[in-house]
Protein backbone atom coordinates (compact mmCIF):
# COMPACT_ATOMS: atom_id res chain seq x y z
CA MET A 1 -13.53 1.16 9.24
CA ILE A 2 -10.61 3.18 10.53
CA PHE A 3 -11.17 6.94 10.53
CA SER A 4 -14.91 6.22 10.23
CA GLN A 5 -15.75 8.70 12.97
CA LEU A 6 -12.68 10.86 12.68
CA LEU A 7 -12.56 11.59 8.98
CA ARG A 8 -15.63 13.71 8.57
CA GLU A 9 -15.77 16.31 5.85
CA ARG A 10 -13.19 18.88 6.92
CA SER A 11 -13.17 22.27 5.20
CA GLN A 12 -10.29 24.09 6.81
CA SER A 13 -7.10 25.20 5.08
CA SER A 14 -4.92 23.64 7.78
CA VAL A 15 -6.11 21.21 10.44
CA LYS A 16 -4.64 18.72 12.86
CA ILE A 17 -6.81 15.64 13.01
CA ARG A 18 -6.90 14.35 16.54
CA SER A 19 -8.51 11.66 18.62
CA MET A 20 -7.54 9.96 21.84
CA ARG A 21 -5.76 7.30 19.83
CA LEU A 22 -4.23 9.41 17.07
CA ALA A 23 -2.90 12.14 19.35
CA LEU A 24 -0.70 9.88 21.49
CA PRO A 25 2.77 11.26 22.21
CA ALA A 26 5.52 9.45 20.33
CA THR A 27 6.68 7.34 23.28
CA LEU A 28 3.14 6.24 24.16
CA LEU A 29 2.31 5.71 20.50
CA ALA A 30 5.09 3.19 20.16
CA ALA A 31 4.24 1.56 23.48
CA SER A 32 0.57 1.19 22.54
CA LEU A 33 1.53 -0.61 19.35
CA LEU A 34 3.32 -3.30 21.31
CA THR A 35 0.01 -4.50 22.72
CA ALA A 36 -1.60 -4.83 19.29
CA ALA A 37 0.16 -8.00 18.17
CA GLU A 38 2.85 -10.50 19.03
CA PRO A 39 6.29 -9.16 20.10
CA GLY A 40 8.52 -8.02 17.28
CA ARG A 41 10.65 -5.18 16.07
CA GLU A 42 9.02 -1.77 15.94
CA ARG A 43 9.78 1.65 14.56
CA ALA A 44 8.29 5.09 15.19
CA PHE A 45 8.88 7.94 12.80
CA THR A 46 7.48 11.09 11.28
CA PHE A 47 6.69 11.17 7.58
CA GLU A 48 6.25 14.13 5.24
CA TYR A 49 4.43 13.85 1.92
CA LYS A 50 4.69 16.99 -0.22
CA ALA A 51 2.87 17.59 -3.50
CA THR A 52 2.64 20.71 -5.65
CA VAL A 53 0.42 20.87 -8.71
CA LYS A 54 2.38 23.09 -11.11
CA ASP A 55 1.85 25.12 -14.27
CA ILE A 56 -1.92 25.07 -13.96
CA PRO A 57 -3.34 26.46 -17.21
CA ALA A 58 -4.89 29.93 -17.16
CA GLY A 59 -8.65 29.79 -17.25
CA THR A 60 -8.91 26.53 -15.33
CA GLN A 61 -12.43 26.24 -13.99
CA LYS A 62 -11.91 23.37 -11.58
CA LEU A 63 -8.90 21.61 -10.17
CA GLN A 64 -9.28 18.41 -8.15
CA LEU A 65 -6.45 16.75 -6.28
CA TRP A 66 -6.48 13.42 -4.43
CA ILE A 67 -3.66 12.32 -2.08
CA PRO A 68 -3.56 9.00 -0.17
CA ALA A 69 -3.57 9.23 3.61
CA PRO A 70 -2.24 6.55 5.98
CA HIS A 71 -4.53 4.34 8.04
CA ASP A 72 -4.49 2.37 11.27
CA ASP A 73 -4.37 -1.40 11.46
CA ALA A 74 -3.00 -4.00 13.85
CA TYR A 75 0.57 -3.29 12.74
CA GLN A 76 0.45 0.43 12.06
CA ARG A 77 -0.71 3.32 14.23
CA ILE A 78 -1.01 6.86 12.91
CA ALA A 79 -0.94 10.01 15.07
CA ASN A 80 -1.06 13.78 14.50
CA LEU A 81 -2.04 13.66 10.87
CA HIS A 82 -1.67 17.23 9.63
CA VAL A 83 -2.67 18.63 6.23
CA GLN A 84 -1.23 22.01 5.32
CA THR A 85 -2.48 23.91 2.27
CA PRO A 86 -3.93 27.37 1.61
CA TYR A 87 -7.02 25.76 0.12
CA PRO A 88 -10.03 23.96 1.64
CA PHE A 89 -9.85 20.18 1.70
CA LYS A 90 -11.79 17.17 2.89
CA ILE A 91 -10.69 13.77 4.17
CA SER A 92 -12.82 10.70 3.67
CA VAL A 93 -12.63 6.94 3.26
CA SER A 94 -13.33 5.35 -0.12
CA ASP A 95 -15.55 2.34 -0.71
CA GLN A 96 -12.37 0.26 -0.86
CA GLY A 97 -11.37 1.48 2.62
CA ASN A 98 -8.58 3.85 1.62
CA ALA A 99 -8.28 7.24 3.35
CA ILE A 100 -8.03 10.15 0.91
CA VAL A 101 -7.25 13.86 1.16
CA HIS A 102 -9.24 15.71 -1.49
CA LEU A 103 -9.07 19.31 -2.73
CA GLU A 104 -11.55 20.88 -5.14
CA ILE A 105 -10.80 24.44 -6.23
CA SER A 106 -13.01 26.41 -8.58
CA ALA A 107 -12.00 29.42 -10.68
CA LEU A 108 -8.38 29.00 -9.67
CA LYS A 109 -6.25 32.10 -10.15
CA GLU A 110 -2.89 30.72 -9.01
CA THR A 111 -0.69 28.57 -11.23
CA SER A 112 0.33 26.16 -8.46
CA VAL A 113 -1.32 24.40 -5.52
CA PRO A 114 0.89 23.10 -2.68
CA VAL A 115 -0.17 20.45 -0.15
CA THR A 116 1.92 18.93 2.64
CA VAL A 117 0.72 15.95 4.66
CA THR A 118 2.68 15.05 7.79
CA PHE A 119 2.03 12.35 10.35
CA GLU A 120 3.63 10.21 13.02
CA ALA A 121 3.60 6.45 12.51
CA ALA A 122 4.46 3.51 14.70
CA ARG A 123 5.04 0.47 12.57
CA LYS A 124 5.36 -3.05 13.95
CA GLU A 125 7.05 -6.00 12.30
CA ARG A 126 4.34 -8.36 11.15
CA ILE A 127 5.06 -12.06 11.46
CA GLN A 128 2.35 -14.62 10.73
CA PRO A 129 3.39 -18.14 11.67
CA THR A 130 2.38 -20.51 8.89
CA ASP A 131 2.44 -23.61 11.08
CA SER A 132 -0.65 -22.50 13.00
CA ILE A 133 -3.25 -24.26 10.88
CA ALA A 134 -6.55 -24.70 12.72
CA ARG A 135 -5.41 -22.42 15.54
CA ASN A 136 -7.29 -19.51 14.01
CA THR A 137 -10.93 -20.35 14.60
CA ALA A 138 -12.29 -16.94 13.58
CA PRO A 139 -14.74 -17.02 10.67
CA PRO A 140 -13.34 -15.94 7.31
CA PRO A 141 -13.67 -12.22 6.45
CA ALA A 142 -16.88 -11.31 4.68
CA ASP A 143 -15.07 -9.70 1.73
CA LEU A 144 -12.88 -12.63 0.66
CA ASP A 145 -14.64 -12.90 -2.72
CA ARG A 146 -13.43 -9.41 -3.54
CA TRP A 147 -9.84 -10.62 -3.42
CA LEU A 148 -10.50 -13.42 -5.90
CA ARG A 149 -11.60 -11.07 -8.68
CA PRO A 150 -9.28 -10.10 -11.55
CA ASP A 151 -7.74 -6.67 -11.96
CA ARG A 152 -7.40 -4.93 -15.31
CA LEU A 153 -3.70 -5.83 -15.58
CA VAL A 154 -4.04 -9.08 -13.64
CA PRO A 155 -6.66 -11.08 -15.53
CA ILE A 156 -7.59 -14.58 -14.38
CA ASP A 157 -7.90 -16.16 -17.79
CA ARG A 158 -7.19 -19.62 -19.19
CA ARG A 159 -3.46 -19.02 -19.69
CA ILE A 160 -2.93 -17.63 -16.21
CA ARG A 161 -4.82 -20.56 -14.71
CA ARG A 162 -2.74 -23.02 -16.72
CA TRP A 163 0.56 -21.40 -15.74
CA ALA A 164 -0.44 -21.30 -12.08
CA GLN A 165 -1.55 -24.92 -12.17
CA GLU A 166 1.77 -25.96 -13.68
CA VAL A 167 3.62 -24.26 -10.81
CA VAL A 168 1.61 -25.90 -8.03
CA ASP A 169 1.64 -29.30 -9.77
CA ALA A 170 5.43 -29.20 -10.12
CA ALA A 171 5.67 -28.59 -6.37
CA HIS A 172 3.09 -31.33 -5.60
CA ALA A 173 1.24 -28.69 -3.58
CA LYS A 174 -2.13 -29.73 -2.18
CA THR A 175 -3.23 -27.21 0.46
CA ASP A 176 -3.74 -23.50 -0.12
CA LEU A 177 -0.68 -22.81 2.02
CA GLU A 178 1.44 -25.20 -0.03
CA LYS A 179 0.16 -23.73 -3.28
CA ALA A 180 0.89 -20.17 -2.14
CA ARG A 181 4.38 -21.21 -1.09
CA ALA A 182 4.98 -22.86 -4.46
CA ILE A 183 3.87 -19.71 -6.27
CA TYR A 184 6.05 -17.52 -4.03
CA ASN A 185 9.09 -19.75 -4.59
CA HIS A 186 8.46 -19.71 -8.34
CA VAL A 187 8.22 -15.92 -8.50
CA VAL A 188 11.28 -15.32 -6.34
CA ALA A 189 13.35 -17.84 -8.29
CA THR A 190 12.37 -16.84 -11.82
CA VAL A 191 11.79 -13.07 -11.77
CA LYS A 192 14.67 -10.58 -11.61
CA TYR A 193 14.40 -7.23 -9.86
CA ASP A 194 15.32 -5.08 -12.85
CA LYS A 195 14.01 -1.59 -13.64
CA SER A 196 15.88 -1.12 -16.89
CA GLY A 197 14.08 -0.30 -20.10
CA THR A 198 10.34 0.21 -20.21
CA GLY A 199 7.19 -1.71 -19.33
CA TRP A 200 8.05 -2.46 -15.71
CA GLY A 201 6.24 -0.92 -12.75
CA GLN A 202 2.68 -1.29 -14.03
CA GLY A 203 1.95 -4.61 -12.37
CA ASP A 204 1.07 -6.11 -15.75
CA ILE A 205 1.07 -9.85 -15.20
CA TYR A 206 1.70 -10.64 -18.86
CA PHE A 207 4.67 -8.28 -19.05
CA ALA A 208 6.11 -9.81 -15.88
CA CYS A 209 5.53 -13.38 -17.05
CA ASP A 210 7.01 -12.73 -20.48
CA GLU A 211 9.98 -10.59 -19.44
CA ARG A 212 10.64 -12.24 -16.03
CA ARG A 213 11.76 -8.90 -14.63
CA GLY A 214 10.40 -5.73 -13.07
CA ASN A 215 9.84 -4.07 -9.73
CA CYS A 216 7.65 -4.92 -6.76
CA THR A 217 4.38 -4.32 -8.63
CA ASP A 218 5.42 -6.81 -11.29
CA PHE A 219 6.54 -9.47 -8.80
CA HIS A 220 3.29 -9.22 -6.90
CA ALA A 221 1.14 -9.15 -10.03
CA ILE A 222 2.32 -12.70 -10.72
CA PHE A 223 1.95 -13.82 -7.11
CA ILE A 224 -1.54 -12.35 -6.71
CA GLY A 225 -2.73 -13.47 -10.13
CA TYR A 226 -1.52 -17.04 -9.74
CA ALA A 227 -2.93 -17.26 -6.21
CA ARG A 228 -6.34 -16.05 -7.35
CA ALA A 229 -6.20 -18.46 -10.27
CA MET A 230 -5.88 -21.23 -7.67
CA SER A 231 -8.90 -19.81 -5.76
CA ILE A 232 -6.68 -18.35 -3.03
CA PRO A 233 -7.74 -14.81 -2.03
CA ALA A 234 -4.82 -12.40 -2.43
CA ARG A 235 -4.55 -8.65 -2.17
CA PHE A 236 -2.16 -5.83 -3.05
CA ALA A 237 -0.93 -3.08 -0.71
CA ILE A 238 1.32 -0.11 -1.37
CA GLY A 239 3.19 2.45 0.69
CA PHE A 240 6.69 3.76 1.20
CA PRO A 241 9.84 1.92 2.28
CA LEU A 242 12.24 3.20 4.91
CA PRO A 243 15.93 2.30 4.97
CA ALA A 244 16.76 -0.20 7.69
CA ASP A 245 19.29 2.17 9.24
CA ARG A 246 17.56 4.58 11.59
CA GLY A 247 17.91 8.31 11.01
CA ALA A 248 16.32 10.73 8.56
CA GLY A 249 16.26 11.32 4.83
CA LYS A 250 14.41 11.34 1.56
CA VAL A 251 12.37 8.43 0.23
CA ALA A 252 12.83 7.97 -3.50
CA GLY A 253 9.63 6.10 -4.31
CA TYR A 254 7.03 3.56 -3.35
CA HIS A 255 7.16 -0.09 -2.33
CA CYS A 256 4.35 -2.63 -2.55
CA TRP A 257 3.67 -6.07 -1.12
CA ALA A 258 0.95 -8.70 -0.90
CA GLU A 259 -1.09 -10.94 1.39
CA PHE A 260 -2.97 -14.17 0.80
CA TYR A 261 -5.67 -15.79 2.90
CA ALA A 262 -5.21 -19.34 4.19
CA SER A 263 -7.97 -21.13 6.05
CA GLY A 264 -7.06 -21.76 9.68
CA ILE A 265 -4.30 -19.16 9.57
CA GLY A 266 -5.73 -15.89 8.24
CA TRP A 267 -4.02 -13.28 6.11
CA VAL A 268 -0.39 -14.19 5.45
CA PRO A 269 2.05 -11.41 4.43
CA VAL A 270 4.54 -11.93 1.62
CA ASP A 271 7.13 -9.70 -0.04
CA ALA A 272 8.45 -11.50 -3.10
CA SER A 273 10.48 -8.62 -4.52
CA GLU A 274 12.39 -8.04 -1.27
CA ALA A 275 13.09 -11.76 -1.12
CA ALA A 276 14.46 -11.66 -4.67
CA LYS A 277 16.71 -8.73 -3.83
CA ASN A 278 17.94 -10.38 -0.63
CA PRO A 279 18.05 -14.19 -0.99
CA ALA A 280 19.12 -14.55 2.64
CA LYS A 281 15.63 -13.37 3.65
CA ARG A 282 13.68 -15.58 1.27
CA GLU A 283 12.24 -17.66 4.12
CA TYR A 284 11.51 -14.58 6.21
CA PHE A 285 9.43 -12.78 3.59
CA PHE A 286 7.01 -15.67 3.21
CA GLY A 287 4.93 -14.87 6.27
CA ALA A 288 6.45 -11.53 7.30
CA HIS A 289 6.59 -7.83 6.57
CA ASP A 290 9.35 -5.94 8.32
CA GLU A 291 8.79 -2.71 10.22
CA ASN A 292 10.60 -0.58 7.64
CA ARG A 293 7.53 0.58 5.73
CA VAL A 294 4.31 2.55 5.98
CA GLU A 295 1.14 1.48 4.17
CA LEU A 296 -1.08 4.01 2.42
CA SER A 297 -3.60 2.03 0.36
CA LYS A 298 -4.84 -1.41 -0.61
CA GLY A 299 -6.14 -2.78 -3.88
CA ARG A 300 -5.95 -1.89 -7.56
CA ASP A 301 -8.33 -0.41 -10.14
CA LEU A 302 -9.32 2.11 -7.51
CA LEU A 303 -12.19 4.56 -7.44
CA LEU A 304 -11.46 7.64 -5.37
CA THR A 305 -13.71 9.69 -3.10
CA PRO A 306 -15.25 11.72 -4.61
CA LYS A 307 -15.03 9.63 -7.77
CA GLN A 308 -12.59 10.80 -10.40
CA GLN A 309 -13.80 11.35 -13.96
CA GLY A 310 -10.86 9.42 -15.36
CA ASP A 311 -10.36 5.68 -15.33
CA PRO A 312 -9.89 3.76 -12.07
CA LEU A 313 -6.34 4.13 -10.79
CA ASN A 314 -4.01 1.21 -11.34
CA TYR A 315 -2.83 1.78 -7.75
CA PHE A 316 -2.88 4.78 -5.41
CA ILE A 317 0.36 6.01 -3.90
CA TYR A 318 1.17 9.21 -5.79
CA PRO A 319 -1.08 12.27 -6.07
CA TYR A 320 -3.75 12.22 -8.75
CA ALA A 321 -5.12 15.45 -10.23
CA GLU A 322 -7.76 16.45 -12.75
CA VAL A 323 -8.05 19.84 -14.45
CA ASP A 324 -11.54 20.47 -15.77
CA GLY A 325 -12.26 16.75 -15.64
CA LYS A 326 -9.10 15.54 -17.38
CA ALA A 327 -6.10 13.85 -15.76
CA TYR A 328 -3.26 16.30 -15.08
CA THR A 329 0.27 15.08 -14.46
CA SER A 330 2.36 18.19 -13.77
CA ILE A 331 2.82 17.44 -10.09
CA GLU A 332 6.07 17.80 -8.15
CA THR A 333 6.46 15.51 -5.14
CA SER A 334 8.90 14.75 -2.37
CA TYR A 335 8.79 12.30 0.53
CA SER A 336 10.91 12.21 3.67
CA PHE A 337 11.06 10.57 7.09
CA ARG A 338 12.68 11.06 10.46
CA ASP A 339 12.91 8.37 13.11
CA LEU A 340 11.66 9.32 16.54
CA ALA A 341 14.57 9.10 18.95
CA ALA A 342 12.52 7.51 21.73
CA VAL A 343 12.25 4.25 19.80
CA ALA A 344 14.95 4.65 17.18
CA GLN A 345 16.62 1.43 18.33
CA ARG A 346 15.41 -1.60 20.26
């Protein structure tokens, strides 16, 4: 697991986490990424994640704060991860494989707790050809069953199975790849990217199916739920989007996407909501994730490390806090990026 050796229990108020891989200079960081996968567009940038727990009640005995941290994979390399706060913290990896910054403060006297996480990232465009059946001879991942299980807001019940079956039957889809493509086409064609009103943004498959609108979590709730209903492993990932134009600026909020597993191919990336917003890229986003993103966590119904007292998190992208064991939501956040000039354009 990434960070398995690096992310030991740190108890300093400000620390730069380093290793031979994570401490690469920006130019070498981007260059190293090019060897990790097939040629494609790449982007290197710094990212700042700021969170301040505010208006902490007098007499608070214990405050806990969890913040997602980025991770390495074949398409994303993280360097110079830096956590700045006046309070002790630890970084660990949860059972689900997500890296987490955690603060636990007892007998807090201050009314606010600031934390800033900064890091450098090199992100590579991920393209998975879907015509490569039987070329991937690697054995299936050991945890595929995990990605067939329902989530709290994405049940795999009789109605979901029936709706999914109707979609794949209408497309005369036979293979897992054909079924996933039929589901993707159905979602992109019938769901509108619309954040008006209420109810959207929770990834509630029944809301999305009934209203046929929402944001990326709603689009991918349908895709993942229908895929799992057809016995196709599918998983959820969430992070932050970057504008395609290089430069610097604020990031308003999160973006999420999905993957499904096809035998003989492997994990196939999809981004149904981006395809719906940009019909010209509908073909592209079945089998691709662009480089204009950074991933922070995977999965839903998440247990943190150490485990929170509240319910599992629907997804983990924003800070989560508890005051004396109860969820606390008075948290101010801001997110920003700056492209690294060495690889700002290719």
